[in-house]
Amino acid sequence: MSFGEGAGSEVDFETMQGRNWPSLTQFSVFLENRVGQLLEVIRAFHGSKVKIVGLTISDSADCSILRLVLSHPEQGREILALHKLAFAENELLGAELPAGPGSLADLCAALLQAEINIHYAYPLIIHPHGRCAVALHVDSIEQAGTALHAMGFEIICEADLSA
C-alpha cells in the first residue's frame, strides 16, 4: 500500500514491525479505580522524550483502562514495564482532519461507504502538521487507510508523532 499526493509522489510505507501500512501503537494500561492513578502514569514519562499524544479513559466499577498513544512507543513500552504497569498493545489508524466544517462526518462517511466499522475513536493532542487528528480503532487498518486516502485524508504514521 502506498500513500502520497499526486502521481509519482507516492511513498511506500513499511513500519518497524514489517507492516506495509502506517499505524499507531496504542497502549491500554489497566488501573485501579482510585484517586491519583492517572497522575502516576503521566509522571512515569517525565524526564523522558516520550510525550502523550492521545489518551482516553474507560471507567468501570472496579478498574479503569487508560488508552494512550505515545510519541515514542518503544521507549514508552519500556517505561510502562519499568513502572510495573499492566498493559496491552494494539494498532490504530491515525488520520488528519481537513480544516472546515464536516470533516469528521466526511471521515465517518468514507468508512461507512467502505463498510468499515469504527470501534472507538479519540482525538490526538499533538497535531502533527498543524491540523486536527484522530486515532481510530477499526475493523481493518489497511482497508480503512486505503478508503480514507482515496477520499483525500492524510494518514498519520508514528514518525509524524515524534517530530
N, C-alpha and C. Protein backbone atom coordinates (compact mmCIF):
# COMPACT_ATOMS: atom_id res chain seq x y z
N MET A 1 0.85 -1.16 0.00
CA MET A 1 0.00 0.00 0.00
C MET A 1 0.89 1.22 0.00
N SER A 2 0.54 2.23 -0.75
CA SER A 2 1.31 3.46 -0.75
C SER A 2 0.37 4.64 -0.64
N PHE A 3 0.89 5.70 -0.09
CA PHE A 3 0.13 6.93 0.09
C PHE A 3 0.96 8.06 -0.47
N GLY A 4 0.33 9.10 -0.95
CA GLY A 4 1.05 10.27 -1.44
C GLY A 4 0.11 11.23 -2.11
N GLU A 5 0.66 12.38 -2.48
CA GLU A 5 -0.13 13.40 -3.13
C GLU A 5 0.26 13.46 -4.60
N GLY A 6 -0.64 13.09 -5.47
CA GLY A 6 -0.41 13.22 -6.90
C GLY A 6 0.41 12.08 -7.47
N ALA A 7 0.44 12.04 -8.79
CA ALA A 7 1.15 10.97 -9.48
C ALA A 7 2.65 11.11 -9.29
N GLY A 8 3.31 10.00 -9.10
CA GLY A 8 4.76 9.98 -8.99
C GLY A 8 5.30 10.34 -7.63
N SER A 9 4.45 10.81 -6.72
CA SER A 9 4.96 11.20 -5.41
C SER A 9 4.53 10.22 -4.32
N GLU A 10 4.08 9.05 -4.72
CA GLU A 10 3.62 8.08 -3.73
C GLU A 10 4.80 7.55 -2.92
N VAL A 11 4.53 7.29 -1.65
CA VAL A 11 5.54 6.78 -0.74
C VAL A 11 5.10 5.41 -0.27
N ASP A 12 5.96 4.43 -0.40
CA ASP A 12 5.65 3.11 0.12
C ASP A 12 6.00 3.10 1.60
N PHE A 13 5.06 2.66 2.43
CA PHE A 13 5.28 2.59 3.85
C PHE A 13 5.65 1.18 4.25
N GLU A 14 6.56 1.07 5.17
CA GLU A 14 6.78 -0.19 5.86
C GLU A 14 7.16 0.18 7.28
N THR A 15 6.40 -0.31 8.23
CA THR A 15 6.63 0.03 9.61
C THR A 15 7.78 -0.79 10.17
N MET A 16 8.19 -0.46 11.39
CA MET A 16 9.28 -1.19 12.03
C MET A 16 8.90 -2.65 12.25
N GLN A 17 7.62 -2.94 12.37
CA GLN A 17 7.18 -4.32 12.54
C GLN A 17 6.99 -5.02 11.20
N GLY A 18 7.39 -4.38 10.10
CA GLY A 18 7.31 -5.02 8.79
C GLY A 18 5.96 -4.90 8.12
N ARG A 19 5.06 -4.09 8.68
CA ARG A 19 3.75 -3.91 8.04
C ARG A 19 3.90 -2.94 6.87
N ASN A 20 3.05 -3.07 5.89
CA ASN A 20 3.13 -2.16 4.76
C ASN A 20 2.05 -1.09 4.81
N TRP A 21 1.47 -0.84 5.97
CA TRP A 21 0.52 0.25 6.13
C TRP A 21 0.88 0.99 7.41
N PRO A 22 0.68 2.31 7.42
CA PRO A 22 1.02 3.08 8.61
C PRO A 22 -0.01 2.86 9.72
N SER A 23 0.47 2.75 10.93
CA SER A 23 -0.43 2.59 12.07
C SER A 23 0.20 3.27 13.27
N LEU A 24 -0.60 3.42 14.30
CA LEU A 24 -0.15 3.99 15.57
C LEU A 24 -0.29 2.91 16.63
N THR A 25 0.67 2.84 17.54
CA THR A 25 0.60 1.87 18.63
C THR A 25 -0.19 2.48 19.78
N GLN A 26 -1.17 1.75 20.25
CA GLN A 26 -1.94 2.16 21.42
C GLN A 26 -1.58 1.25 22.58
N PHE A 27 -1.38 1.85 23.74
CA PHE A 27 -1.15 1.10 24.97
C PHE A 27 -2.40 1.23 25.82
N SER A 28 -2.98 0.10 26.20
CA SER A 28 -4.12 0.08 27.11
C SER A 28 -3.58 -0.30 28.48
N VAL A 29 -3.57 0.67 29.38
CA VAL A 29 -2.99 0.50 30.72
C VAL A 29 -4.14 0.25 31.69
N PHE A 30 -4.03 -0.83 32.45
CA PHE A 30 -5.07 -1.21 33.40
C PHE A 30 -4.76 -0.59 34.75
N LEU A 31 -5.72 0.19 35.28
CA LEU A 31 -5.52 0.93 36.52
C LEU A 31 -6.60 0.59 37.53
N GLU A 32 -6.21 0.65 38.81
CA GLU A 32 -7.20 0.54 39.87
C GLU A 32 -8.05 1.80 39.85
N ASN A 33 -9.28 1.67 40.28
CA ASN A 33 -10.17 2.83 40.33
C ASN A 33 -9.96 3.57 41.65
N ARG A 34 -8.85 4.31 41.72
CA ARG A 34 -8.59 5.11 42.92
C ARG A 34 -7.91 6.41 42.53
N VAL A 35 -8.04 7.37 43.39
CA VAL A 35 -7.53 8.72 43.15
C VAL A 35 -6.02 8.69 42.91
N GLY A 36 -5.57 9.42 41.91
CA GLY A 36 -4.14 9.59 41.66
C GLY A 36 -3.53 8.64 40.66
N GLN A 37 -4.28 7.65 40.20
CA GLN A 37 -3.71 6.65 39.28
C GLN A 37 -3.29 7.27 37.95
N LEU A 38 -4.10 8.16 37.40
CA LEU A 38 -3.76 8.80 36.13
C LEU A 38 -2.49 9.63 36.28
N LEU A 39 -2.39 10.38 37.36
CA LEU A 39 -1.20 11.20 37.59
C LEU A 39 0.05 10.34 37.68
N GLU A 40 -0.04 9.19 38.32
CA GLU A 40 1.13 8.30 38.42
C GLU A 40 1.62 7.87 37.05
N VAL A 41 0.70 7.54 36.17
CA VAL A 41 1.09 7.12 34.81
C VAL A 41 1.72 8.29 34.07
N ILE A 42 1.09 9.44 34.14
CA ILE A 42 1.62 10.62 33.43
C ILE A 42 3.02 10.96 33.94
N ARG A 43 3.21 10.92 35.25
CA ARG A 43 4.53 11.23 35.83
C ARG A 43 5.60 10.21 35.43
N ALA A 44 5.20 9.02 35.10
CA ALA A 44 6.17 8.00 34.69
C ALA A 44 6.95 8.44 33.46
N PHE A 45 6.35 9.28 32.62
CA PHE A 45 7.00 9.72 31.39
C PHE A 45 7.82 11.00 31.57
N HIS A 46 7.71 11.67 32.73
CA HIS A 46 8.50 12.88 32.97
C HIS A 46 9.99 12.56 32.88
N GLY A 47 10.73 13.45 32.27
CA GLY A 47 12.17 13.27 32.15
C GLY A 47 12.58 12.40 30.97
N SER A 48 11.62 11.90 30.22
CA SER A 48 11.93 11.10 29.03
C SER A 48 11.52 11.90 27.80
N LYS A 49 11.88 11.39 26.64
CA LYS A 49 11.46 12.06 25.40
C LYS A 49 10.06 11.65 24.98
N VAL A 50 9.44 10.75 25.72
CA VAL A 50 8.10 10.24 25.39
C VAL A 50 7.04 11.27 25.78
N LYS A 51 6.22 11.62 24.81
CA LYS A 51 5.09 12.52 25.05
C LYS A 51 3.80 11.74 24.85
N ILE A 52 2.81 12.09 25.66
CA ILE A 52 1.48 11.51 25.47
C ILE A 52 0.82 12.29 24.34
N VAL A 53 0.53 11.60 23.26
CA VAL A 53 -0.01 12.21 22.05
C VAL A 53 -1.53 12.14 22.03
N GLY A 54 -2.09 11.11 22.64
CA GLY A 54 -3.53 10.95 22.72
C GLY A 54 -3.88 10.08 23.89
N LEU A 55 -5.05 10.32 24.48
CA LEU A 55 -5.48 9.47 25.58
C LEU A 55 -6.99 9.51 25.72
N THR A 56 -7.49 8.43 26.25
CA THR A 56 -8.90 8.32 26.62
C THR A 56 -8.98 7.33 27.77
N ILE A 57 -9.99 7.48 28.60
CA ILE A 57 -10.15 6.61 29.77
C ILE A 57 -11.53 5.97 29.72
N SER A 58 -11.55 4.65 29.90
CA SER A 58 -12.81 3.91 30.05
C SER A 58 -12.89 3.48 31.50
N ASP A 59 -14.01 3.79 32.13
CA ASP A 59 -14.16 3.56 33.56
C ASP A 59 -15.20 2.48 33.82
N SER A 60 -14.95 1.68 34.84
CA SER A 60 -15.95 0.73 35.33
C SER A 60 -15.92 0.77 36.85
N ALA A 61 -16.73 -0.03 37.48
CA ALA A 61 -16.80 -0.01 38.94
C ALA A 61 -15.49 -0.45 39.59
N ASP A 62 -14.79 -1.40 38.99
CA ASP A 62 -13.60 -1.97 39.62
C ASP A 62 -12.28 -1.42 39.10
N CYS A 63 -12.24 -1.06 37.84
CA CYS A 63 -10.96 -0.62 37.27
C CYS A 63 -11.21 0.38 36.14
N SER A 64 -10.12 0.94 35.67
CA SER A 64 -10.17 1.84 34.52
C SER A 64 -9.16 1.36 33.49
N ILE A 65 -9.45 1.66 32.25
CA ILE A 65 -8.49 1.38 31.18
C ILE A 65 -8.10 2.71 30.57
N LEU A 66 -6.82 3.02 30.66
CA LEU A 66 -6.26 4.23 30.09
C LEU A 66 -5.65 3.87 28.76
N ARG A 67 -6.20 4.40 27.69
CA ARG A 67 -5.66 4.15 26.35
C ARG A 67 -4.76 5.31 25.98
N LEU A 68 -3.52 4.99 25.61
CA LEU A 68 -2.51 6.00 25.30
C LEU A 68 -1.92 5.80 23.92
N VAL A 69 -1.68 6.89 23.22
CA VAL A 69 -0.83 6.90 22.04
C VAL A 69 0.37 7.75 22.43
N LEU A 70 1.56 7.21 22.23
CA LEU A 70 2.79 7.87 22.67
C LEU A 70 3.67 8.27 21.49
N SER A 71 4.46 9.32 21.69
CA SER A 71 5.33 9.81 20.62
C SER A 71 6.44 8.83 20.27
N HIS A 72 6.92 8.09 21.23
CA HIS A 72 8.00 7.12 21.04
C HIS A 72 7.57 5.81 21.69
N PRO A 73 6.83 4.96 20.97
CA PRO A 73 6.25 3.77 21.58
C PRO A 73 7.26 2.77 22.14
N GLU A 74 8.42 2.63 21.51
CA GLU A 74 9.41 1.68 22.04
C GLU A 74 9.86 2.08 23.44
N GLN A 75 10.20 3.36 23.62
CA GLN A 75 10.62 3.85 24.93
C GLN A 75 9.43 3.85 25.90
N GLY A 76 8.25 4.17 25.39
CA GLY A 76 7.06 4.15 26.23
C GLY A 76 6.78 2.78 26.79
N ARG A 77 6.95 1.76 25.97
CA ARG A 77 6.77 0.37 26.40
C ARG A 77 7.73 0.05 27.55
N GLU A 78 8.98 0.48 27.41
CA GLU A 78 9.98 0.23 28.46
C GLU A 78 9.61 0.94 29.75
N ILE A 79 9.13 2.17 29.66
CA ILE A 79 8.75 2.93 30.85
C ILE A 79 7.57 2.27 31.55
N LEU A 80 6.56 1.87 30.80
CA LEU A 80 5.41 1.20 31.40
C LEU A 80 5.82 -0.09 32.11
N ALA A 81 6.69 -0.86 31.47
CA ALA A 81 7.16 -2.11 32.08
C ALA A 81 8.00 -1.83 33.32
N LEU A 82 8.87 -0.82 33.25
CA LEU A 82 9.73 -0.45 34.38
C LEU A 82 8.89 -0.06 35.60
N HIS A 83 7.76 0.60 35.36
CA HIS A 83 6.88 1.01 36.45
C HIS A 83 5.87 -0.09 36.83
N LYS A 84 6.07 -1.28 36.26
CA LYS A 84 5.25 -2.45 36.58
C LYS A 84 3.75 -2.20 36.37
N LEU A 85 3.46 -1.49 35.28
CA LEU A 85 2.06 -1.24 34.92
C LEU A 85 1.59 -2.33 33.97
N ALA A 86 0.42 -2.88 34.23
CA ALA A 86 -0.15 -3.90 33.35
C ALA A 86 -0.72 -3.20 32.12
N PHE A 87 -0.30 -3.66 30.93
CA PHE A 87 -0.78 -3.02 29.71
C PHE A 87 -0.84 -4.02 28.57
N ALA A 88 -1.62 -3.66 27.57
CA ALA A 88 -1.71 -4.42 26.33
C ALA A 88 -1.52 -3.43 25.19
N GLU A 89 -1.17 -3.95 24.02
CA GLU A 89 -0.94 -3.09 22.86
C GLU A 89 -1.84 -3.52 21.71
N ASN A 90 -2.24 -2.54 20.92
CA ASN A 90 -2.88 -2.82 19.64
C ASN A 90 -2.63 -1.65 18.70
N GLU A 91 -3.02 -1.83 17.46
CA GLU A 91 -2.74 -0.85 16.43
C GLU A 91 -3.98 -0.03 16.10
N LEU A 92 -3.75 1.26 15.87
CA LEU A 92 -4.80 2.19 15.48
C LEU A 92 -4.44 2.83 14.15
N LEU A 93 -5.42 3.41 13.51
CA LEU A 93 -5.19 4.22 12.33
C LEU A 93 -5.27 5.68 12.75
N GLY A 94 -4.32 6.48 12.32
CA GLY A 94 -4.34 7.91 12.58
C GLY A 94 -4.65 8.65 11.30
N ALA A 95 -5.54 9.64 11.39
CA ALA A 95 -5.90 10.42 10.21
C ALA A 95 -6.03 11.89 10.59
N GLU A 96 -5.53 12.76 9.71
CA GLU A 96 -5.71 14.19 9.89
C GLU A 96 -7.06 14.59 9.34
N LEU A 97 -7.67 15.58 9.98
CA LEU A 97 -8.94 16.10 9.52
C LEU A 97 -8.69 17.41 8.78
N PRO A 98 -9.19 17.53 7.57
CA PRO A 98 -9.03 18.79 6.85
C PRO A 98 -9.74 19.93 7.58
N ALA A 99 -9.25 21.15 7.41
CA ALA A 99 -9.90 22.31 8.01
C ALA A 99 -11.29 22.46 7.40
N GLY A 100 -12.19 22.94 8.20
CA GLY A 100 -13.53 23.21 7.70
C GLY A 100 -14.58 22.34 8.35
N PRO A 101 -15.82 22.78 8.24
CA PRO A 101 -16.91 22.03 8.87
C PRO A 101 -17.16 20.70 8.16
N GLY A 102 -17.57 19.74 8.95
CA GLY A 102 -17.98 18.47 8.37
C GLY A 102 -16.88 17.47 8.10
N SER A 103 -15.63 17.78 8.47
CA SER A 103 -14.54 16.86 8.12
C SER A 103 -14.65 15.54 8.89
N LEU A 104 -15.08 15.58 10.14
CA LEU A 104 -15.26 14.33 10.89
C LEU A 104 -16.40 13.51 10.29
N ALA A 105 -17.46 14.18 9.90
CA ALA A 105 -18.58 13.48 9.24
C ALA A 105 -18.12 12.88 7.92
N ASP A 106 -17.28 13.60 7.18
CA ASP A 106 -16.76 13.07 5.91
C ASP A 106 -15.91 11.83 6.15
N LEU A 107 -15.11 11.85 7.21
CA LEU A 107 -14.28 10.69 7.55
C LEU A 107 -15.18 9.49 7.86
N CYS A 108 -16.18 9.70 8.69
CA CYS A 108 -17.11 8.61 9.04
C CYS A 108 -17.85 8.10 7.81
N ALA A 109 -18.24 9.01 6.93
CA ALA A 109 -18.95 8.61 5.71
C ALA A 109 -18.06 7.78 4.80
N ALA A 110 -16.78 8.15 4.70
CA ALA A 110 -15.84 7.39 3.86
C ALA A 110 -15.69 5.97 4.39
N LEU A 111 -15.63 5.82 5.71
CA LEU A 111 -15.50 4.48 6.29
C LEU A 111 -16.81 3.70 6.16
N LEU A 112 -17.93 4.36 6.29
CA LEU A 112 -19.22 3.70 6.10
C LEU A 112 -19.35 3.20 4.67
N GLN A 113 -18.98 4.04 3.72
CA GLN A 113 -19.05 3.65 2.31
C GLN A 113 -18.20 2.42 2.04
N ALA A 114 -17.05 2.32 2.74
CA ALA A 114 -16.16 1.16 2.58
C ALA A 114 -16.58 -0.01 3.47
N GLU A 115 -17.69 0.17 4.21
CA GLU A 115 -18.22 -0.86 5.12
C GLU A 115 -17.22 -1.25 6.19
N ILE A 116 -16.56 -0.24 6.75
CA ILE A 116 -15.58 -0.44 7.82
C ILE A 116 -16.16 0.12 9.11
N ASN A 117 -16.20 -0.70 10.14
CA ASN A 117 -16.74 -0.31 11.43
C ASN A 117 -15.69 0.42 12.26
N ILE A 118 -16.11 1.50 12.91
CA ILE A 118 -15.27 2.21 13.88
C ILE A 118 -15.65 1.69 15.25
N HIS A 119 -14.71 1.03 15.93
CA HIS A 119 -14.98 0.50 17.27
C HIS A 119 -14.91 1.61 18.30
N TYR A 120 -13.90 2.47 18.19
CA TYR A 120 -13.80 3.67 19.02
C TYR A 120 -12.81 4.62 18.37
N ALA A 121 -12.89 5.86 18.79
CA ALA A 121 -12.01 6.89 18.25
C ALA A 121 -11.78 7.94 19.32
N TYR A 122 -10.65 8.62 19.23
CA TYR A 122 -10.40 9.75 20.12
C TYR A 122 -9.42 10.71 19.47
N PRO A 123 -9.49 11.99 19.86
CA PRO A 123 -8.62 12.98 19.23
C PRO A 123 -7.18 12.84 19.71
N LEU A 124 -6.27 13.28 18.89
CA LEU A 124 -4.87 13.33 19.27
C LEU A 124 -4.57 14.72 19.80
N ILE A 125 -3.78 14.79 20.87
CA ILE A 125 -3.43 16.06 21.50
C ILE A 125 -2.44 16.82 20.63
N ILE A 126 -1.48 16.12 20.09
CA ILE A 126 -0.47 16.72 19.23
C ILE A 126 -0.98 16.66 17.80
N HIS A 127 -0.94 17.77 17.12
CA HIS A 127 -1.38 17.85 15.73
C HIS A 127 -0.14 17.88 14.85
N PRO A 128 0.21 16.76 14.25
CA PRO A 128 1.49 16.63 13.54
C PRO A 128 1.78 17.70 12.50
N HIS A 129 0.82 18.10 11.72
CA HIS A 129 1.05 19.09 10.67
C HIS A 129 0.19 20.33 10.89
N GLY A 130 -0.12 20.60 12.16
CA GLY A 130 -0.93 21.76 12.48
C GLY A 130 -2.41 21.58 12.25
N ARG A 131 -2.83 20.36 11.96
CA ARG A 131 -4.25 20.07 11.72
C ARG A 131 -4.77 19.12 12.80
N CYS A 132 -6.05 19.17 13.03
CA CYS A 132 -6.66 18.23 13.98
C CYS A 132 -6.47 16.81 13.45
N ALA A 133 -6.35 15.89 14.39
CA ALA A 133 -6.14 14.49 14.01
C ALA A 133 -6.91 13.60 14.96
N VAL A 134 -7.22 12.40 14.47
CA VAL A 134 -7.99 11.45 15.25
C VAL A 134 -7.34 10.07 15.14
N ALA A 135 -7.40 9.32 16.25
CA ALA A 135 -6.95 7.93 16.28
C ALA A 135 -8.19 7.05 16.23
N LEU A 136 -8.15 6.03 15.37
CA LEU A 136 -9.32 5.19 15.14
C LEU A 136 -8.98 3.71 15.32
N HIS A 137 -9.81 3.01 16.07
CA HIS A 137 -9.71 1.55 16.12
C HIS A 137 -10.80 1.04 15.20
N VAL A 138 -10.38 0.41 14.10
CA VAL A 138 -11.31 0.00 13.04
C VAL A 138 -11.15 -1.49 12.75
N ASP A 139 -12.09 -2.02 11.96
CA ASP A 139 -12.04 -3.43 11.58
C ASP A 139 -10.74 -3.79 10.86
N SER A 140 -10.34 -2.99 9.91
CA SER A 140 -9.14 -3.26 9.12
C SER A 140 -8.39 -1.95 8.89
N ILE A 141 -7.21 -1.84 9.47
CA ILE A 141 -6.41 -0.62 9.31
C ILE A 141 -6.04 -0.41 7.85
N GLU A 142 -5.66 -1.48 7.18
CA GLU A 142 -5.23 -1.35 5.79
C GLU A 142 -6.38 -0.88 4.90
N GLN A 143 -7.55 -1.49 5.03
CA GLN A 143 -8.70 -1.08 4.21
C GLN A 143 -9.16 0.32 4.57
N ALA A 144 -9.16 0.65 5.85
CA ALA A 144 -9.58 1.99 6.28
C ALA A 144 -8.61 3.04 5.75
N GLY A 145 -7.32 2.76 5.83
CA GLY A 145 -6.32 3.69 5.31
C GLY A 145 -6.49 3.93 3.82
N THR A 146 -6.74 2.86 3.09
CA THR A 146 -6.96 2.98 1.65
C THR A 146 -8.20 3.81 1.35
N ALA A 147 -9.30 3.54 2.06
CA ALA A 147 -10.55 4.27 1.84
C ALA A 147 -10.40 5.75 2.18
N LEU A 148 -9.76 6.04 3.30
CA LEU A 148 -9.61 7.44 3.70
C LEU A 148 -8.67 8.18 2.77
N HIS A 149 -7.58 7.53 2.40
CA HIS A 149 -6.63 8.17 1.48
C HIS A 149 -7.30 8.49 0.14
N ALA A 150 -8.13 7.58 -0.33
CA ALA A 150 -8.85 7.79 -1.60
C ALA A 150 -9.79 9.00 -1.51
N MET A 151 -10.24 9.32 -0.30
CA MET A 151 -11.13 10.47 -0.11
C MET A 151 -10.36 11.73 0.27
N GLY A 152 -9.02 11.68 0.21
CA GLY A 152 -8.21 12.88 0.43
C GLY A 152 -7.73 13.10 1.85
N PHE A 153 -7.93 12.13 2.74
CA PHE A 153 -7.45 12.27 4.11
C PHE A 153 -5.98 11.88 4.18
N GLU A 154 -5.22 12.63 4.98
CA GLU A 154 -3.81 12.29 5.21
C GLU A 154 -3.74 11.28 6.34
N ILE A 155 -3.00 10.21 6.13
CA ILE A 155 -2.83 9.16 7.13
C ILE A 155 -1.57 9.47 7.92
N ILE A 156 -1.66 9.34 9.24
CA ILE A 156 -0.55 9.64 10.13
C ILE A 156 0.18 8.36 10.49
N CYS A 157 1.50 8.41 10.50
CA CYS A 157 2.29 7.27 10.97
C CYS A 157 3.02 7.69 12.25
N GLU A 158 3.65 6.73 12.91
CA GLU A 158 4.31 7.02 14.18
C GLU A 158 5.41 8.06 14.04
N ALA A 159 6.09 8.10 12.91
CA ALA A 159 7.15 9.09 12.70
C ALA A 159 6.59 10.51 12.76
N ASP A 160 5.34 10.71 12.37
CA ASP A 160 4.72 12.03 12.42
C ASP A 160 4.54 12.51 13.86
N LEU A 161 4.42 11.59 14.80
CA LEU A 161 4.15 11.95 16.19
C LEU A 161 5.40 12.28 16.97
N SER A 162 6.55 11.87 16.49
CA SER A 162 7.79 12.09 17.23
C SER A 162 8.59 13.26 16.66
N ALA A 163 8.06 13.92 15.67
CA ALA A 163 8.78 15.05 15.04
C ALA A 163 8.74 16.29 15.90
